[in-house]
Amino acid sequence: MDDKDKVLNLLKKNTLTVISTINSSGQPNSAVIGFAETDDFEIIFGTYNDSRKYSNLKTNHNTSFAIGWDGPITVQYEGVAEELTEENSQKYKSIFIKKNPQSAKYEFNPKQRYFLVKPTWLRYTELNQDPWNIIELDFTKQ
């Protein structure tokens, strides 16, 4: 299994992540959310348009995630979030709801919005070996 497959497999095994955003005053905000991923390492998630993360991402599109806290393998992920429009959201909403079927009940709520995050950098760490196996992917150089 190559490095990218290892990272993608960990993303696929997890349904929850911690998202971190920055508000307009520079203060951090973190929250546990459900997510899905594409084979291009993009992250998809939904949130209400009156949430703190929503208003933060409208003013600062940069975000980060911590994925995989149930075991000794984790991913740190940084990326740029884009709110999906009605025209481009159906494909991504379908991927998200397939992985998180309990979220289908929010799909038609008028406050619900969906985001697609394109990765800029990620670090996969296997802490269960010595030395740790670390894989870094820099998407700004690809």
N, C-alpha and C. Protein backbone atom coordinates (compact mmCIF):
# COMPACT_ATOMS: atom_id res chain seq x y z
N MET A 1 0.85 -1.18 0.00
CA MET A 1 0.00 0.00 0.00
C MET A 1 0.89 1.24 0.00
N ASP A 2 0.64 2.17 -0.92
CA ASP A 2 1.48 3.36 -0.96
C ASP A 2 1.02 4.39 0.08
N ASP A 3 1.80 5.46 0.24
CA ASP A 3 1.54 6.45 1.28
C ASP A 3 0.16 7.09 1.14
N LYS A 4 -0.21 7.48 -0.06
CA LYS A 4 -1.50 8.15 -0.26
C LYS A 4 -2.65 7.21 0.08
N ASP A 5 -2.52 5.92 -0.23
CA ASP A 5 -3.56 4.95 0.12
C ASP A 5 -3.71 4.82 1.64
N LYS A 6 -2.59 4.84 2.36
CA LYS A 6 -2.63 4.76 3.82
C LYS A 6 -3.43 5.94 4.39
N VAL A 7 -3.13 7.12 3.89
CA VAL A 7 -3.82 8.32 4.38
C VAL A 7 -5.30 8.26 4.05
N LEU A 8 -5.61 7.93 2.81
CA LEU A 8 -7.01 7.87 2.39
C LEU A 8 -7.79 6.83 3.18
N ASN A 9 -7.17 5.68 3.45
CA ASN A 9 -7.84 4.64 4.24
C ASN A 9 -8.18 5.14 5.64
N LEU A 10 -7.29 5.91 6.25
CA LEU A 10 -7.60 6.44 7.58
C LEU A 10 -8.77 7.43 7.50
N LEU A 11 -8.77 8.27 6.50
CA LEU A 11 -9.88 9.22 6.34
C LEU A 11 -11.20 8.46 6.17
N LYS A 12 -11.18 7.40 5.38
CA LYS A 12 -12.40 6.63 5.12
C LYS A 12 -12.90 5.90 6.36
N LYS A 13 -12.01 5.52 7.27
CA LYS A 13 -12.40 4.78 8.47
C LYS A 13 -13.04 5.67 9.52
N ASN A 14 -12.85 6.97 9.42
CA ASN A 14 -13.36 7.90 10.43
C ASN A 14 -14.55 8.68 9.89
N THR A 15 -15.49 8.95 10.77
CA THR A 15 -16.65 9.77 10.38
C THR A 15 -16.67 11.10 11.11
N LEU A 16 -15.86 11.24 12.15
CA LEU A 16 -15.80 12.48 12.93
C LEU A 16 -14.42 13.11 12.83
N THR A 17 -14.40 14.42 12.93
CA THR A 17 -13.17 15.19 12.94
C THR A 17 -13.36 16.41 13.82
N VAL A 18 -12.26 17.00 14.23
CA VAL A 18 -12.29 18.30 14.89
C VAL A 18 -11.90 19.33 13.83
N ILE A 19 -12.78 20.30 13.60
CA ILE A 19 -12.48 21.40 12.69
C ILE A 19 -12.07 22.61 13.51
N SER A 20 -11.08 23.33 13.03
CA SER A 20 -10.66 24.58 13.66
C SER A 20 -10.75 25.70 12.65
N THR A 21 -11.32 26.81 13.11
CA THR A 21 -11.47 28.01 12.29
C THR A 21 -11.03 29.21 13.12
N ILE A 22 -10.91 30.35 12.47
CA ILE A 22 -10.51 31.60 13.14
C ILE A 22 -11.58 32.64 12.86
N ASN A 23 -12.03 33.35 13.92
CA ASN A 23 -13.06 34.36 13.69
C ASN A 23 -12.43 35.68 13.23
N SER A 24 -13.26 36.67 12.97
CA SER A 24 -12.78 37.94 12.43
C SER A 24 -11.89 38.70 13.41
N SER A 25 -11.92 38.35 14.69
CA SER A 25 -11.05 38.97 15.70
C SER A 25 -9.77 38.18 15.92
N GLY A 26 -9.60 37.09 15.17
CA GLY A 26 -8.40 36.27 15.29
C GLY A 26 -8.48 35.21 16.37
N GLN A 27 -9.66 35.02 16.96
CA GLN A 27 -9.83 34.02 18.01
C GLN A 27 -10.14 32.65 17.40
N PRO A 28 -9.58 31.57 17.95
CA PRO A 28 -9.83 30.24 17.40
C PRO A 28 -11.18 29.68 17.85
N ASN A 29 -11.68 28.76 17.06
CA ASN A 29 -12.90 28.02 17.38
C ASN A 29 -12.72 26.61 16.86
N SER A 30 -13.02 25.62 17.69
CA SER A 30 -12.94 24.23 17.27
C SER A 30 -14.25 23.54 17.59
N ALA A 31 -14.60 22.54 16.78
CA ALA A 31 -15.84 21.79 16.98
C ALA A 31 -15.69 20.40 16.38
N VAL A 32 -16.36 19.44 16.98
CA VAL A 32 -16.42 18.09 16.42
C VAL A 32 -17.55 18.07 15.40
N ILE A 33 -17.24 17.56 14.20
CA ILE A 33 -18.24 17.50 13.13
C ILE A 33 -18.13 16.16 12.41
N GLY A 34 -19.19 15.79 11.71
CA GLY A 34 -19.14 14.66 10.80
C GLY A 34 -18.53 15.13 9.49
N PHE A 35 -17.88 14.22 8.78
CA PHE A 35 -17.26 14.59 7.51
C PHE A 35 -17.26 13.40 6.56
N ALA A 36 -17.01 13.71 5.32
CA ALA A 36 -16.74 12.70 4.29
C ALA A 36 -15.55 13.20 3.48
N GLU A 37 -15.02 12.31 2.66
CA GLU A 37 -13.83 12.65 1.87
C GLU A 37 -14.01 12.19 0.44
N THR A 38 -13.26 12.83 -0.45
CA THR A 38 -13.20 12.36 -1.83
C THR A 38 -11.86 11.64 -2.02
N ASP A 39 -11.71 10.97 -3.14
CA ASP A 39 -10.44 10.30 -3.43
C ASP A 39 -9.32 11.29 -3.73
N ASP A 40 -9.66 12.58 -3.85
CA ASP A 40 -8.66 13.64 -4.03
C ASP A 40 -8.32 14.32 -2.71
N PHE A 41 -8.68 13.68 -1.59
CA PHE A 41 -8.39 14.17 -0.24
C PHE A 41 -9.18 15.42 0.13
N GLU A 42 -10.23 15.74 -0.60
CA GLU A 42 -11.08 16.85 -0.23
C GLU A 42 -11.98 16.40 0.92
N ILE A 43 -12.32 17.33 1.80
CA ILE A 43 -13.22 17.06 2.91
C ILE A 43 -14.53 17.79 2.66
N ILE A 44 -15.63 17.08 2.95
CA ILE A 44 -16.98 17.62 2.80
C ILE A 44 -17.64 17.62 4.17
N PHE A 45 -18.31 18.71 4.51
CA PHE A 45 -19.09 18.73 5.75
C PHE A 45 -20.23 19.72 5.62
N GLY A 46 -21.18 19.57 6.50
CA GLY A 46 -22.32 20.47 6.54
C GLY A 46 -22.39 21.19 7.87
N THR A 47 -22.99 22.37 7.85
CA THR A 47 -23.19 23.16 9.07
C THR A 47 -24.33 24.13 8.84
N TYR A 48 -24.89 24.64 9.91
CA TYR A 48 -25.94 25.66 9.79
C TYR A 48 -25.31 27.03 9.53
N ASN A 49 -26.04 27.87 8.81
CA ASN A 49 -25.52 29.19 8.48
C ASN A 49 -25.52 30.16 9.66
N ASP A 50 -25.97 29.73 10.82
CA ASP A 50 -25.88 30.57 12.01
C ASP A 50 -24.85 30.02 13.02
N SER A 51 -24.03 29.07 12.58
CA SER A 51 -22.99 28.52 13.46
C SER A 51 -21.75 29.42 13.44
N ARG A 52 -20.93 29.28 14.46
CA ARG A 52 -19.69 30.06 14.50
C ARG A 52 -18.75 29.65 13.38
N LYS A 53 -18.66 28.33 13.11
CA LYS A 53 -17.73 27.90 12.05
C LYS A 53 -18.14 28.47 10.70
N TYR A 54 -19.45 28.57 10.46
CA TYR A 54 -19.92 29.13 9.19
C TYR A 54 -19.48 30.58 9.04
N SER A 55 -19.76 31.41 10.05
CA SER A 55 -19.37 32.82 9.92
C SER A 55 -17.85 32.97 9.86
N ASN A 56 -17.13 32.13 10.60
CA ASN A 56 -15.66 32.19 10.54
C ASN A 56 -15.16 31.86 9.14
N LEU A 57 -15.71 30.81 8.52
CA LEU A 57 -15.25 30.41 7.18
C LEU A 57 -15.66 31.41 6.10
N LYS A 58 -16.68 32.19 6.34
CA LYS A 58 -17.08 33.22 5.37
C LYS A 58 -16.08 34.37 5.34
N THR A 59 -15.37 34.60 6.46
CA THR A 59 -14.39 35.68 6.51
C THR A 59 -12.96 35.17 6.34
N ASN A 60 -12.70 33.91 6.69
CA ASN A 60 -11.36 33.33 6.55
C ASN A 60 -11.55 31.88 6.10
N HIS A 61 -11.21 31.60 4.87
CA HIS A 61 -11.46 30.28 4.27
C HIS A 61 -10.48 29.20 4.72
N ASN A 62 -9.42 29.59 5.42
CA ASN A 62 -8.43 28.61 5.89
C ASN A 62 -8.97 27.86 7.09
N THR A 63 -8.73 26.56 7.11
CA THR A 63 -9.22 25.72 8.20
C THR A 63 -8.26 24.56 8.42
N SER A 64 -8.42 23.90 9.55
CA SER A 64 -7.62 22.70 9.81
C SER A 64 -8.48 21.67 10.53
N PHE A 65 -8.03 20.42 10.47
CA PHE A 65 -8.75 19.30 11.04
C PHE A 65 -7.78 18.38 11.78
N ALA A 66 -8.28 17.72 12.82
CA ALA A 66 -7.57 16.62 13.48
C ALA A 66 -8.47 15.40 13.33
N ILE A 67 -7.92 14.34 12.75
CA ILE A 67 -8.71 13.15 12.43
C ILE A 67 -8.01 11.93 13.01
N GLY A 68 -8.79 11.04 13.66
CA GLY A 68 -8.25 9.77 14.12
C GLY A 68 -7.73 9.76 15.52
N TRP A 69 -8.56 10.04 16.49
CA TRP A 69 -8.11 10.03 17.88
C TRP A 69 -8.45 8.73 18.61
N ASP A 70 -9.04 7.76 17.93
CA ASP A 70 -9.41 6.50 18.58
C ASP A 70 -8.25 5.51 18.69
N GLY A 71 -7.18 5.76 18.01
CA GLY A 71 -6.06 4.83 18.01
C GLY A 71 -4.77 5.58 17.80
N PRO A 72 -3.71 4.85 17.57
CA PRO A 72 -2.39 5.48 17.48
C PRO A 72 -2.05 6.02 16.09
N ILE A 73 -3.06 6.23 15.23
CA ILE A 73 -2.80 6.76 13.89
C ILE A 73 -3.68 8.00 13.71
N THR A 74 -3.06 9.12 13.34
CA THR A 74 -3.78 10.38 13.22
C THR A 74 -3.41 11.10 11.93
N VAL A 75 -4.28 12.05 11.57
CA VAL A 75 -4.00 12.95 10.45
C VAL A 75 -4.24 14.38 10.90
N GLN A 76 -3.25 15.22 10.66
CA GLN A 76 -3.41 16.66 10.77
C GLN A 76 -3.63 17.15 9.35
N TYR A 77 -4.62 18.01 9.14
CA TYR A 77 -5.04 18.38 7.78
C TYR A 77 -5.25 19.89 7.75
N GLU A 78 -4.69 20.55 6.76
CA GLU A 78 -4.93 21.97 6.54
C GLU A 78 -5.49 22.15 5.14
N GLY A 79 -6.42 23.08 5.00
CA GLY A 79 -7.01 23.30 3.69
C GLY A 79 -7.78 24.60 3.60
N VAL A 80 -8.38 24.79 2.43
CA VAL A 80 -9.15 26.00 2.13
C VAL A 80 -10.58 25.58 1.83
N ALA A 81 -11.52 26.16 2.58
CA ALA A 81 -12.93 25.79 2.48
C ALA A 81 -13.68 26.70 1.51
N GLU A 82 -14.57 26.07 0.76
CA GLU A 82 -15.43 26.80 -0.17
C GLU A 82 -16.87 26.34 0.08
N GLU A 83 -17.77 27.30 0.27
CA GLU A 83 -19.17 26.94 0.43
C GLU A 83 -19.70 26.46 -0.91
N LEU A 84 -20.38 25.34 -0.90
CA LEU A 84 -20.94 24.79 -2.13
C LEU A 84 -22.22 25.52 -2.49
N THR A 85 -22.41 25.74 -3.77
CA THR A 85 -23.62 26.37 -4.27
C THR A 85 -24.63 25.29 -4.64
N GLU A 86 -25.85 25.67 -4.89
CA GLU A 86 -26.87 24.71 -5.32
C GLU A 86 -26.42 23.97 -6.58
N GLU A 87 -25.75 24.68 -7.48
CA GLU A 87 -25.33 24.09 -8.75
C GLU A 87 -24.28 23.00 -8.58
N ASN A 88 -23.37 23.17 -7.63
CA ASN A 88 -22.28 22.19 -7.52
C ASN A 88 -22.35 21.33 -6.25
N SER A 89 -23.45 21.40 -5.52
CA SER A 89 -23.47 20.73 -4.23
C SER A 89 -24.00 19.29 -4.25
N GLN A 90 -24.81 18.92 -5.23
CA GLN A 90 -25.49 17.62 -5.15
C GLN A 90 -24.52 16.44 -5.09
N LYS A 91 -23.50 16.45 -5.93
CA LYS A 91 -22.51 15.37 -5.92
C LYS A 91 -21.87 15.22 -4.54
N TYR A 92 -21.46 16.35 -3.96
CA TYR A 92 -20.76 16.31 -2.68
C TYR A 92 -21.70 16.01 -1.52
N LYS A 93 -22.93 16.55 -1.57
CA LYS A 93 -23.91 16.21 -0.53
C LYS A 93 -24.17 14.71 -0.52
N SER A 94 -24.25 14.10 -1.70
CA SER A 94 -24.49 12.66 -1.79
C SER A 94 -23.36 11.86 -1.15
N ILE A 95 -22.13 12.27 -1.40
CA ILE A 95 -20.97 11.60 -0.79
C ILE A 95 -21.04 11.73 0.73
N PHE A 96 -21.35 12.93 1.21
CA PHE A 96 -21.42 13.20 2.64
C PHE A 96 -22.53 12.38 3.31
N ILE A 97 -23.71 12.38 2.71
CA ILE A 97 -24.85 11.67 3.32
C ILE A 97 -24.66 10.16 3.25
N LYS A 98 -24.01 9.67 2.20
CA LYS A 98 -23.75 8.23 2.12
C LYS A 98 -22.86 7.78 3.29
N LYS A 99 -21.86 8.57 3.62
CA LYS A 99 -20.97 8.22 4.72
C LYS A 99 -21.60 8.51 6.09
N ASN A 100 -22.47 9.51 6.14
CA ASN A 100 -23.10 9.95 7.38
C ASN A 100 -24.62 9.95 7.20
N PRO A 101 -25.25 8.77 7.10
CA PRO A 101 -26.68 8.72 6.78
C PRO A 101 -27.57 9.45 7.80
N GLN A 102 -27.12 9.56 9.04
CA GLN A 102 -27.90 10.26 10.04
C GLN A 102 -28.04 11.75 9.72
N SER A 103 -27.19 12.28 8.85
CA SER A 103 -27.23 13.70 8.50
C SER A 103 -28.27 14.02 7.42
N ALA A 104 -28.88 13.01 6.83
CA ALA A 104 -29.87 13.24 5.77
C ALA A 104 -31.03 14.10 6.26
N LYS A 105 -31.35 14.01 7.54
CA LYS A 105 -32.47 14.78 8.08
C LYS A 105 -32.22 16.28 8.05
N TYR A 106 -30.97 16.71 7.88
CA TYR A 106 -30.63 18.14 7.83
C TYR A 106 -30.56 18.68 6.40
N GLU A 107 -30.55 17.82 5.41
CA GLU A 107 -30.28 18.23 4.03
C GLU A 107 -31.20 19.36 3.55
N PHE A 108 -32.45 19.30 3.90
CA PHE A 108 -33.40 20.29 3.38
C PHE A 108 -33.75 21.38 4.39
N ASN A 109 -33.04 21.42 5.51
CA ASN A 109 -33.23 22.50 6.46
C ASN A 109 -32.74 23.79 5.80
N PRO A 110 -33.52 24.86 5.85
CA PRO A 110 -33.11 26.10 5.16
C PRO A 110 -31.81 26.70 5.69
N LYS A 111 -31.40 26.35 6.90
CA LYS A 111 -30.14 26.87 7.45
C LYS A 111 -28.93 26.03 7.06
N GLN A 112 -29.14 24.84 6.51
CA GLN A 112 -28.03 23.92 6.21
C GLN A 112 -27.21 24.41 5.02
N ARG A 113 -25.89 24.38 5.20
CA ARG A 113 -24.94 24.72 4.14
C ARG A 113 -23.88 23.62 4.11
N TYR A 114 -23.27 23.44 2.94
CA TYR A 114 -22.22 22.44 2.78
C TYR A 114 -20.94 23.11 2.30
N PHE A 115 -19.82 22.57 2.76
CA PHE A 115 -18.51 23.06 2.38
C PHE A 115 -17.67 21.94 1.79
N LEU A 116 -16.83 22.33 0.86
CA LEU A 116 -15.80 21.45 0.29
C LEU A 116 -14.46 22.08 0.65
N VAL A 117 -13.60 21.28 1.27
CA VAL A 117 -12.28 21.77 1.66
C VAL A 117 -11.24 21.10 0.78
N LYS A 118 -10.45 21.91 0.11
CA LYS A 118 -9.35 21.41 -0.71
C LYS A 118 -8.09 21.43 0.15
N PRO A 119 -7.38 20.30 0.18
CA PRO A 119 -6.21 20.22 1.06
C PRO A 119 -5.06 21.08 0.57
N THR A 120 -4.31 21.65 1.51
CA THR A 120 -3.05 22.32 1.19
C THR A 120 -1.87 21.52 1.76
N TRP A 121 -2.08 20.89 2.91
CA TRP A 121 -1.02 20.13 3.57
C TRP A 121 -1.67 19.13 4.52
N LEU A 122 -1.07 17.96 4.65
CA LEU A 122 -1.50 17.04 5.70
C LEU A 122 -0.33 16.21 6.18
N ARG A 123 -0.49 15.75 7.41
CA ARG A 123 0.54 14.92 8.05
C ARG A 123 -0.16 13.72 8.68
N TYR A 124 0.24 12.55 8.24
CA TYR A 124 -0.25 11.27 8.74
C TYR A 124 0.82 10.73 9.67
N THR A 125 0.44 10.33 10.88
CA THR A 125 1.42 9.83 11.84
C THR A 125 0.94 8.52 12.44
N GLU A 126 1.77 7.49 12.32
CA GLU A 126 1.54 6.22 13.00
C GLU A 126 2.40 6.22 14.26
N LEU A 127 1.72 6.33 15.41
CA LEU A 127 2.42 6.44 16.69
C LEU A 127 2.70 5.08 17.32
N ASN A 128 2.26 4.01 16.65
CA ASN A 128 2.38 2.67 17.23
C ASN A 128 3.65 1.95 16.81
N GLN A 129 4.64 2.68 16.39
CA GLN A 129 5.93 2.07 16.03
C GLN A 129 7.05 3.02 16.39
N ASP A 130 8.24 2.49 16.47
CA ASP A 130 9.39 3.29 16.83
C ASP A 130 10.48 3.07 15.80
N PRO A 131 10.86 4.06 15.05
CA PRO A 131 10.35 5.43 15.08
C PRO A 131 8.95 5.53 14.45
N TRP A 132 8.28 6.63 14.75
CA TRP A 132 6.96 6.85 14.18
C TRP A 132 7.04 6.88 12.66
N ASN A 133 6.02 6.36 12.00
CA ASN A 133 5.92 6.49 10.54
C ASN A 133 5.16 7.79 10.25
N ILE A 134 5.84 8.73 9.60
CA ILE A 134 5.24 10.03 9.29
C ILE A 134 5.22 10.22 7.78
N ILE A 135 4.06 10.58 7.29
CA ILE A 135 3.88 10.88 5.86
C ILE A 135 3.36 12.30 5.76
N GLU A 136 4.03 13.15 5.04
CA GLU A 136 3.54 14.51 4.80
C GLU A 136 3.24 14.67 3.32
N LEU A 137 2.09 15.27 3.06
CA LEU A 137 1.70 15.56 1.68
C LEU A 137 1.48 17.06 1.57
N ASP A 138 2.20 17.70 0.66
CA ASP A 138 2.08 19.14 0.43
C ASP A 138 1.38 19.33 -0.90
N PHE A 139 0.12 19.72 -0.85
CA PHE A 139 -0.70 19.85 -2.06
C PHE A 139 -0.43 21.17 -2.78
N THR A 140 0.31 22.08 -2.16
CA THR A 140 0.63 23.33 -2.84
C THR A 140 1.72 23.13 -3.88
N LYS A 141 2.44 22.00 -3.82
CA LYS A 141 3.53 21.71 -4.76
C LYS A 141 3.14 20.73 -5.83
N GLN A 142 1.85 20.31 -5.87
CA GLN A 142 1.44 19.30 -6.84
C GLN A 142 0.82 19.93 -8.05
